[in-house]
Protein backbone atom coordinates (compact mmCIF):
# COMPACT_ATOMS: atom_id res chain seq x y z
CA UNK A 1 -119.39 153.41 67.08
CA UNK A 2 -122.65 155.28 66.61
CA UNK A 3 -125.47 153.91 64.48
CA UNK A 4 -127.34 156.11 62.05
CA UNK A 5 -128.90 158.73 64.31
CA UNK A 6 -131.50 161.42 63.89
CA UNK A 7 -132.42 164.53 65.81
CA UNK A 8 -135.14 163.42 68.23
CA UNK A 9 -137.67 166.19 68.88
CA UNK A 10 -140.23 164.22 70.87
CA UNK A 11 -140.84 160.89 72.58
CA UNK A 12 -143.91 158.67 72.76
CA UNK A 13 -144.90 157.49 76.24
CA UNK A 14 -146.67 154.12 76.15
CA UNK A 15 -148.08 154.69 79.63
CA UNK A 16 -149.70 151.97 81.74
CA UNK A 17 -152.38 150.91 79.25
CA UNK A 18 -153.49 151.51 75.66
CA UNK A 19 -157.13 150.64 76.40
CA UNK A 20 -159.31 153.83 76.49
CA UNK A 21 -161.60 152.41 79.21
CA UNK A 22 -158.68 151.40 81.36
CA UNK A 23 -157.16 154.84 80.80
CA UNK A 24 -160.36 156.47 82.07
CA UNK A 25 -160.28 154.32 85.21
CA UNK A 26 -156.60 155.09 85.70
CA UNK A 27 -157.29 158.81 85.32
CA UNK A 28 -159.79 158.84 88.21
CA UNK A 29 -157.61 156.53 90.31
CA UNK A 30 -154.48 158.66 89.96
CA UNK A 31 -156.45 161.91 90.27
CA UNK A 32 -157.66 160.60 93.64
CA UNK A 33 -154.11 159.65 94.64
CA UNK A 34 -152.74 163.04 93.56
CA UNK A 35 -155.51 164.93 95.35
CA UNK A 36 -154.94 162.86 98.50
CA UNK A 37 -151.20 163.60 98.27
CA UNK A 38 -151.93 167.32 98.21
CA UNK A 39 -154.52 167.11 100.99
CA UNK A 40 -152.39 164.98 103.31
CA UNK A 41 -149.14 166.87 102.88
CA UNK A 42 -150.79 170.29 102.92
CA UNK A 43 -152.48 169.31 106.18
CA UNK A 44 -149.07 168.52 107.69
CA UNK A 45 -147.60 171.81 106.47
CA UNK A 46 -150.50 173.93 107.80
CA UNK A 47 -150.61 172.02 111.09
CA UNK A 48 -146.90 172.51 111.76
CA UNK A 49 -147.00 176.21 110.79
CA UNK A 50 -150.09 177.07 112.88
CA UNK A 51 -149.26 175.02 116.01
CA UNK A 52 -146.57 176.56 118.26
CA UNK A 53 -146.02 173.27 120.12
CA UNK A 54 -144.89 171.70 116.83
CA UNK A 55 -142.22 174.32 116.17
CA UNK A 56 -139.47 171.78 116.82
CA UNK A 57 -136.67 170.44 114.59
CA UNK A 58 -138.45 167.13 113.94
CA UNK A 59 -141.68 168.74 112.75
CA UNK A 60 -139.79 171.39 110.78
CA UNK A 61 -138.10 168.59 108.83
CA UNK A 62 -141.42 166.75 108.50
CA UNK A 63 -143.11 169.85 107.02
CA UNK A 64 -140.29 170.21 104.51
CA UNK A 65 -140.62 166.54 103.58
CA UNK A 66 -144.30 167.26 102.88
CA UNK A 67 -143.28 170.13 100.56
CA UNK A 68 -140.91 167.84 98.65
CA UNK A 69 -143.54 165.08 98.44
CA UNK A 70 -146.01 167.48 96.81
CA UNK A 71 -143.32 168.61 94.38
CA UNK A 72 -142.18 165.08 93.58
CA UNK A 73 -145.72 163.86 92.93
CA UNK A 74 -146.53 166.85 90.71
CA UNK A 75 -143.56 166.22 88.41
CA UNK A 76 -145.01 162.94 87.13
CA UNK A 77 -148.72 163.15 88.02
CA UNK A 78 -149.66 166.30 86.09
CA UNK A 79 -148.26 165.06 82.77
CA UNK A 80 -149.72 161.58 83.28
CA UNK A 81 -153.20 162.92 84.17
CA UNK A 82 -153.09 165.19 81.11
CA UNK A 83 -152.21 162.24 78.86
CA UNK A 84 -154.89 159.98 80.36
CA UNK A 85 -157.62 162.63 80.06
CA UNK A 86 -156.82 163.83 76.53
CA UNK A 87 -155.47 160.45 75.33
CA UNK A 88 -152.17 162.02 74.27
CA UNK A 89 -148.85 160.24 74.56
CA UNK A 90 -146.12 162.53 73.27
CA UNK A 91 -143.62 164.69 75.14
CA UNK A 92 -141.02 166.96 73.57
CA UNK A 93 -137.32 166.23 74.01
CA UNK A 94 -136.80 169.39 76.07
CA UNK A 95 -139.73 168.65 78.40
CA UNK A 96 -138.56 165.06 78.72
CA UNK A 97 -135.13 166.20 79.88
CA UNK A 98 -136.77 168.78 82.17
CA UNK A 99 -138.99 166.12 83.73
CA UNK A 100 -136.00 163.86 84.36
CA UNK A 101 -134.15 166.74 86.00
CA UNK A 102 -136.98 167.49 88.43
CA UNK A 103 -137.67 163.82 89.15
CA UNK A 104 -134.10 163.35 90.32
CA UNK A 105 -133.94 166.76 92.01
CA UNK A 106 -136.96 166.01 94.22
CA UNK A 107 -136.08 162.33 94.61
CA UNK A 108 -132.56 163.21 95.71
CA UNK A 109 -133.88 165.89 98.07
CA UNK A 110 -136.16 163.30 99.71
CA UNK A 111 -133.24 160.90 100.22
CA UNK A 112 -131.00 163.51 101.81
CA UNK A 113 -133.83 164.89 103.94
CA UNK A 114 -134.53 161.38 105.27
CA UNK A 115 -130.85 161.25 106.25
CA UNK A 116 -131.32 164.57 108.08
CA UNK A 117 -134.38 163.17 109.89
CA UNK A 118 -132.36 160.15 111.00
CA UNK A 119 -129.63 162.47 112.30
CA UNK A 120 -132.30 164.45 114.15
CA UNK A 121 -133.61 161.30 115.90
CA UNK A 122 -130.07 160.14 116.71
CA UNK A 123 -129.26 163.43 118.45
CA UNK A 124 -132.65 163.49 120.21
CA UNK A 125 -132.02 160.04 121.70
CA UNK A 126 -128.28 160.24 122.39
CA UNK A 127 -128.00 163.94 123.32
CA UNK A 128 -131.42 164.84 124.77
CA UNK A 129 -130.13 167.68 126.97
CA UNK A 130 -128.19 169.32 124.14
CA UNK A 131 -130.76 168.49 121.46
CA UNK A 132 -132.28 171.95 120.98
CA UNK A 133 -128.85 173.58 121.16
CA UNK A 134 -127.40 171.27 118.50
CA UNK A 135 -130.51 171.24 116.30
CA UNK A 136 -131.00 175.00 116.33
CA UNK A 137 -132.82 176.96 113.64
CA UNK A 138 -129.70 177.58 111.59
CA UNK A 139 -128.78 173.89 111.56
CA UNK A 140 -132.31 172.87 110.56
CA UNK A 141 -132.41 175.36 107.68
CA UNK A 142 -128.94 174.20 106.65
CA UNK A 143 -130.06 170.56 106.60
CA UNK A 144 -133.05 171.38 104.38
CA UNK A 145 -130.92 173.53 102.07
CA UNK A 146 -128.32 170.75 101.97
CA UNK A 147 -131.01 168.24 100.99
CA UNK A 148 -132.07 170.39 98.04
CA UNK A 149 -128.45 171.06 97.03
CA UNK A 150 -127.70 167.35 97.25
CA UNK A 151 -130.69 166.59 95.04
CA UNK A 152 -129.57 169.27 92.57
CA UNK A 153 -126.01 167.91 92.39
CA UNK A 154 -127.30 164.35 91.97
CA UNK A 155 -129.66 165.42 89.16
CA UNK A 156 -127.43 167.82 87.25
CA UNK A 157 -124.62 165.25 86.94
CA UNK A 158 -126.96 162.78 85.26
CA UNK A 159 -128.52 165.41 83.01
CA UNK A 160 -125.05 166.58 81.99
CA UNK A 161 -124.23 163.07 80.80
CA UNK A 162 -127.64 162.43 79.25
CA UNK A 163 -127.84 165.50 76.98
CA UNK A 164 -124.56 164.55 75.30
CA UNK A 165 -125.95 161.24 74.02
CA UNK A 166 -127.05 160.87 70.38
CA UNK A 167 -130.43 159.16 70.01
CA UNK A 168 -131.57 156.75 67.33
CA UNK A 169 -134.74 156.91 65.30
CA UNK A 170 -136.86 154.95 67.79
CA UNK A 171 -138.47 157.33 70.28
CA UNK A 172 -140.90 155.07 72.18
CA UNK A 173 -140.54 155.04 75.97
CA UNK A 174 -142.27 152.17 77.75
CA UNK A 175 -143.46 154.08 80.81
CA UNK A 176 -145.79 156.91 81.84
CA UNK A 177 -143.00 159.46 82.37
CA UNK A 178 -139.50 160.20 81.11
CA UNK A 179 -136.64 158.71 83.07
CA UNK A 180 -133.07 157.66 82.47
CA UNK A 181 -133.62 153.85 82.29
CA UNK A 182 -136.04 154.24 79.36
CA UNK A 183 -134.26 157.09 77.59
CA UNK A 184 -130.77 155.64 77.67
CA UNK A 185 -131.91 152.53 75.78
CA UNK A 186 -132.38 154.67 72.67
CA UNK A 187 -128.84 156.04 72.59
CA UNK A 188 -126.98 155.27 69.37
CA UNK A 189 -123.73 154.38 71.15
CA UNK A 190 -122.59 151.67 73.52
CA UNK A 191 -123.87 152.92 76.88
CA UNK A 192 -122.48 150.23 79.21
CA UNK A 193 -119.98 152.56 80.89
CA UNK A 194 -122.54 155.38 81.06
CA UNK A 195 -125.09 153.02 82.60
CA UNK A 196 -122.58 152.04 85.27
CA UNK A 197 -121.98 155.73 86.05
CA UNK A 198 -125.74 156.31 86.29
CA UNK A 199 -126.19 153.25 88.51
CA UNK A 200 -123.43 154.46 90.82
CA UNK A 201 -125.02 157.92 91.02
CA UNK A 202 -128.52 156.54 91.66
CA UNK A 203 -128.84 152.88 92.61
CA UNK A 204 -125.56 152.42 94.47
CA UNK A 205 -126.04 155.73 96.29
CA UNK A 206 -129.55 154.67 97.36
CA UNK A 207 -128.30 151.26 98.53
CA UNK A 208 -125.40 152.65 100.58
CA UNK A 209 -127.58 155.30 102.24
CA UNK A 210 -130.43 152.83 102.85
CA UNK A 211 -128.30 150.27 104.69
CA UNK A 212 -126.44 153.01 106.57
CA UNK A 213 -129.78 154.36 107.79
CA UNK A 214 -130.93 150.87 108.75
CA UNK A 215 -127.84 150.48 110.92
CA UNK A 216 -128.41 153.93 112.44
CA UNK A 217 -132.05 153.23 113.25
CA UNK A 218 -131.10 149.85 114.73
CA UNK A 219 -128.67 151.61 117.07
CA UNK A 220 -131.37 154.17 117.94
CA UNK A 221 -133.99 151.47 118.64
CA UNK A 222 -131.57 149.56 120.89
CA UNK A 223 -130.87 152.76 122.81
CA UNK A 224 -134.60 153.47 123.21
CA UNK A 225 -135.40 149.97 124.45
CA UNK A 226 -132.52 149.77 126.93
CA UNK A 227 -132.09 153.31 128.26
CA UNK A 228 -135.14 155.46 127.53
CA UNK A 229 -137.86 155.31 130.16
CA UNK A 230 -139.88 158.49 129.68
CA UNK A 231 -141.65 158.77 126.33
CA UNK A 232 -140.41 155.37 125.15
CA UNK A 233 -143.59 154.55 123.24
CA UNK A 234 -143.59 157.93 121.47
CA UNK A 235 -139.91 157.56 120.49
CA UNK A 236 -140.46 154.02 119.18
CA UNK A 237 -143.54 155.09 117.22
CA UNK A 238 -141.68 158.03 115.64
CA UNK A 239 -138.74 155.85 114.62
CA UNK A 240 -141.04 153.13 113.29
CA UNK A 241 -142.81 155.71 111.10
CA UNK A 242 -139.50 157.03 109.77
CA UNK A 243 -138.21 153.51 109.03
CA UNK A 244 -141.41 152.68 107.15
CA UNK A 245 -141.26 155.90 105.13
CA UNK A 246 -137.56 155.32 104.44
CA UNK A 247 -138.28 151.80 103.14
CA UNK A 248 -141.10 153.04 100.90
CA UNK A 249 -138.79 155.65 99.38
CA UNK A 250 -135.65 153.53 99.01
CA UNK A 251 -136.75 149.99 98.06
CA UNK A 252 -138.73 150.85 94.87
CA UNK A 253 -135.97 153.28 93.88
CA UNK A 254 -133.34 150.57 94.26
CA UNK A 255 -135.42 148.21 92.10
CA UNK A 256 -135.53 150.81 89.33
CA UNK A 257 -131.98 152.20 89.47
CA UNK A 258 -129.75 149.66 91.21
CA UNK A 259 -128.75 147.72 88.08
CA UNK A 260 -127.75 148.29 84.46
CA UNK A 261 -130.89 149.53 82.74
CA UNK A 262 -132.62 146.38 81.54
CA UNK A 263 -136.38 145.80 81.50
CA UNK A 264 -137.86 143.74 84.32
CA UNK A 265 -141.54 142.76 84.74
CA UNK A 266 -142.31 144.89 87.80
CA UNK A 267 -140.63 148.09 86.58
CA UNK A 268 -143.86 150.01 85.99
CA UNK A 269 -145.29 148.89 89.33
CA UNK A 270 -142.12 150.04 91.09
CA UNK A 271 -142.33 153.35 89.20
CA UNK A 272 -145.94 153.91 90.29
CA UNK A 273 -145.04 153.15 93.90
CA UNK A 274 -141.89 155.31 93.80
CA UNK A 275 -143.30 158.41 92.09
CA UNK A 276 -147.04 158.41 92.91
CA UNK A 277 -147.98 156.27 95.92
CA UNK A 278 -145.04 156.97 98.23
CA UNK A 279 -145.57 160.79 98.40
CA UNK A 280 -149.19 160.09 99.43
CA UNK A 281 -148.34 157.33 101.90
CA UNK A 282 -145.63 159.41 103.61
CA UNK A 283 -148.18 161.90 104.94
CA UNK A 284 -150.58 159.15 106.01
CA UNK A 285 -147.89 157.26 107.90
CA UNK A 286 -146.58 160.31 109.75
CA UNK A 287 -150.10 161.49 110.60
CA UNK A 288 -151.47 158.13 111.72
CA UNK A 289 -148.32 156.87 113.48
CA UNK A 290 -147.62 160.13 115.31
CA UNK A 291 -150.03 160.58 118.21
CA UNK A 292 -149.16 164.26 118.69
CA UNK A 293 -149.68 165.05 115.02
CA UNK A 294 -152.93 163.09 114.92
CA UNK A 295 -154.21 164.88 118.01
CA UNK A 296 -153.24 168.32 116.67
CA UNK A 297 -154.84 167.68 113.27
CA UNK A 298 -158.02 166.61 115.09
CA UNK A 299 -158.05 169.84 117.11
CA UNK A 300 -157.58 171.96 114.01
CA UNK A 301 -160.41 170.15 112.24
CA UNK A 302 -162.73 170.68 115.21
CA UNK A 303 -161.81 174.39 115.36
CA UNK A 304 -162.50 174.69 111.64
CA UNK A 305 -165.91 173.04 112.00
CA UNK A 306 -166.82 175.25 114.99
CA UNK A 307 -165.70 178.41 113.16
CA UNK A 308 -167.90 177.48 110.20
CA UNK A 309 -170.92 177.06 112.47
CA UNK A 310 -170.34 180.40 114.20
CA UNK A 311 -169.78 182.49 111.07
CA UNK A 312 -172.13 185.55 111.10
CA UNK A 313 -174.89 185.51 108.49
CA UNK A 314 -174.12 187.34 105.26
CA UNK A 315 -175.37 190.92 105.55
CA UNK A 316 -176.00 191.15 101.82
CA UNK A 317 -178.26 188.12 102.00
CA UNK A 318 -180.46 189.96 104.53
CA UNK A 319 -180.48 193.21 102.57
CA UNK A 320 -178.30 195.03 105.12
CA UNK A 321 -175.58 197.48 104.11
């Protein structure tokens, strides 16, 4: 039975700290993280687009992961940076729901794209001669589109349930962004069944996919160690990078969503890792762990530096027409 409810028009985000000095430090810290996320992922995107040798299925998927990482980070970072800089804490109900939708859209897209990347490595190791035939352009585009559609389906189901809930007078959310675990606590009805549905659509889904991917990568690693002779180190390094990225994306998400929505001490830390640090670390891991990517980025940087040195002097500066 519902308690006395009111029409909630906005929520108050408590954020990570109420101390103005700490908020200033956090602003510069997260601005650096957000800028690094953009720089790292944009570097991957430009490198893959401008380097013909990287026009392969694996790097196509990697570039699309970089696009999603930028999108995922922007959903939470921009609002948080605004609040830290202007010392504001409110968000309207509509924007709160919108933020939740895009958080789960991009988060779901990342999960399904990581599945596609695991499939790509499985085919590359087990069907090397048919790899380019199987992973053709149409299949790659279909996998990326499927990742976004999967994220959309995952998100829209939860939003459809969420917008039907009546909310009580309290509108304080103990986090730096809107998300289902905080919002659902303010519903004026018994939400146990709804929480279980949400957990199944988020936490349980993450857990099943995570352990399935662990099994898949274990099979791939065994195959590499026992049968692959040429390019073994490169294959192991690529798989190690993907396993590390997969763990960074799945483990914090499981901590947040893989249970009925009760507060636990490390929830905010897991949220920071899941929404802010992981999109930045993904690009670093793939760039530093992938020798070919690291070498190509180095070449592009050297070309850029050389082109700057050889630019002709500005004619206007010398008074020439």
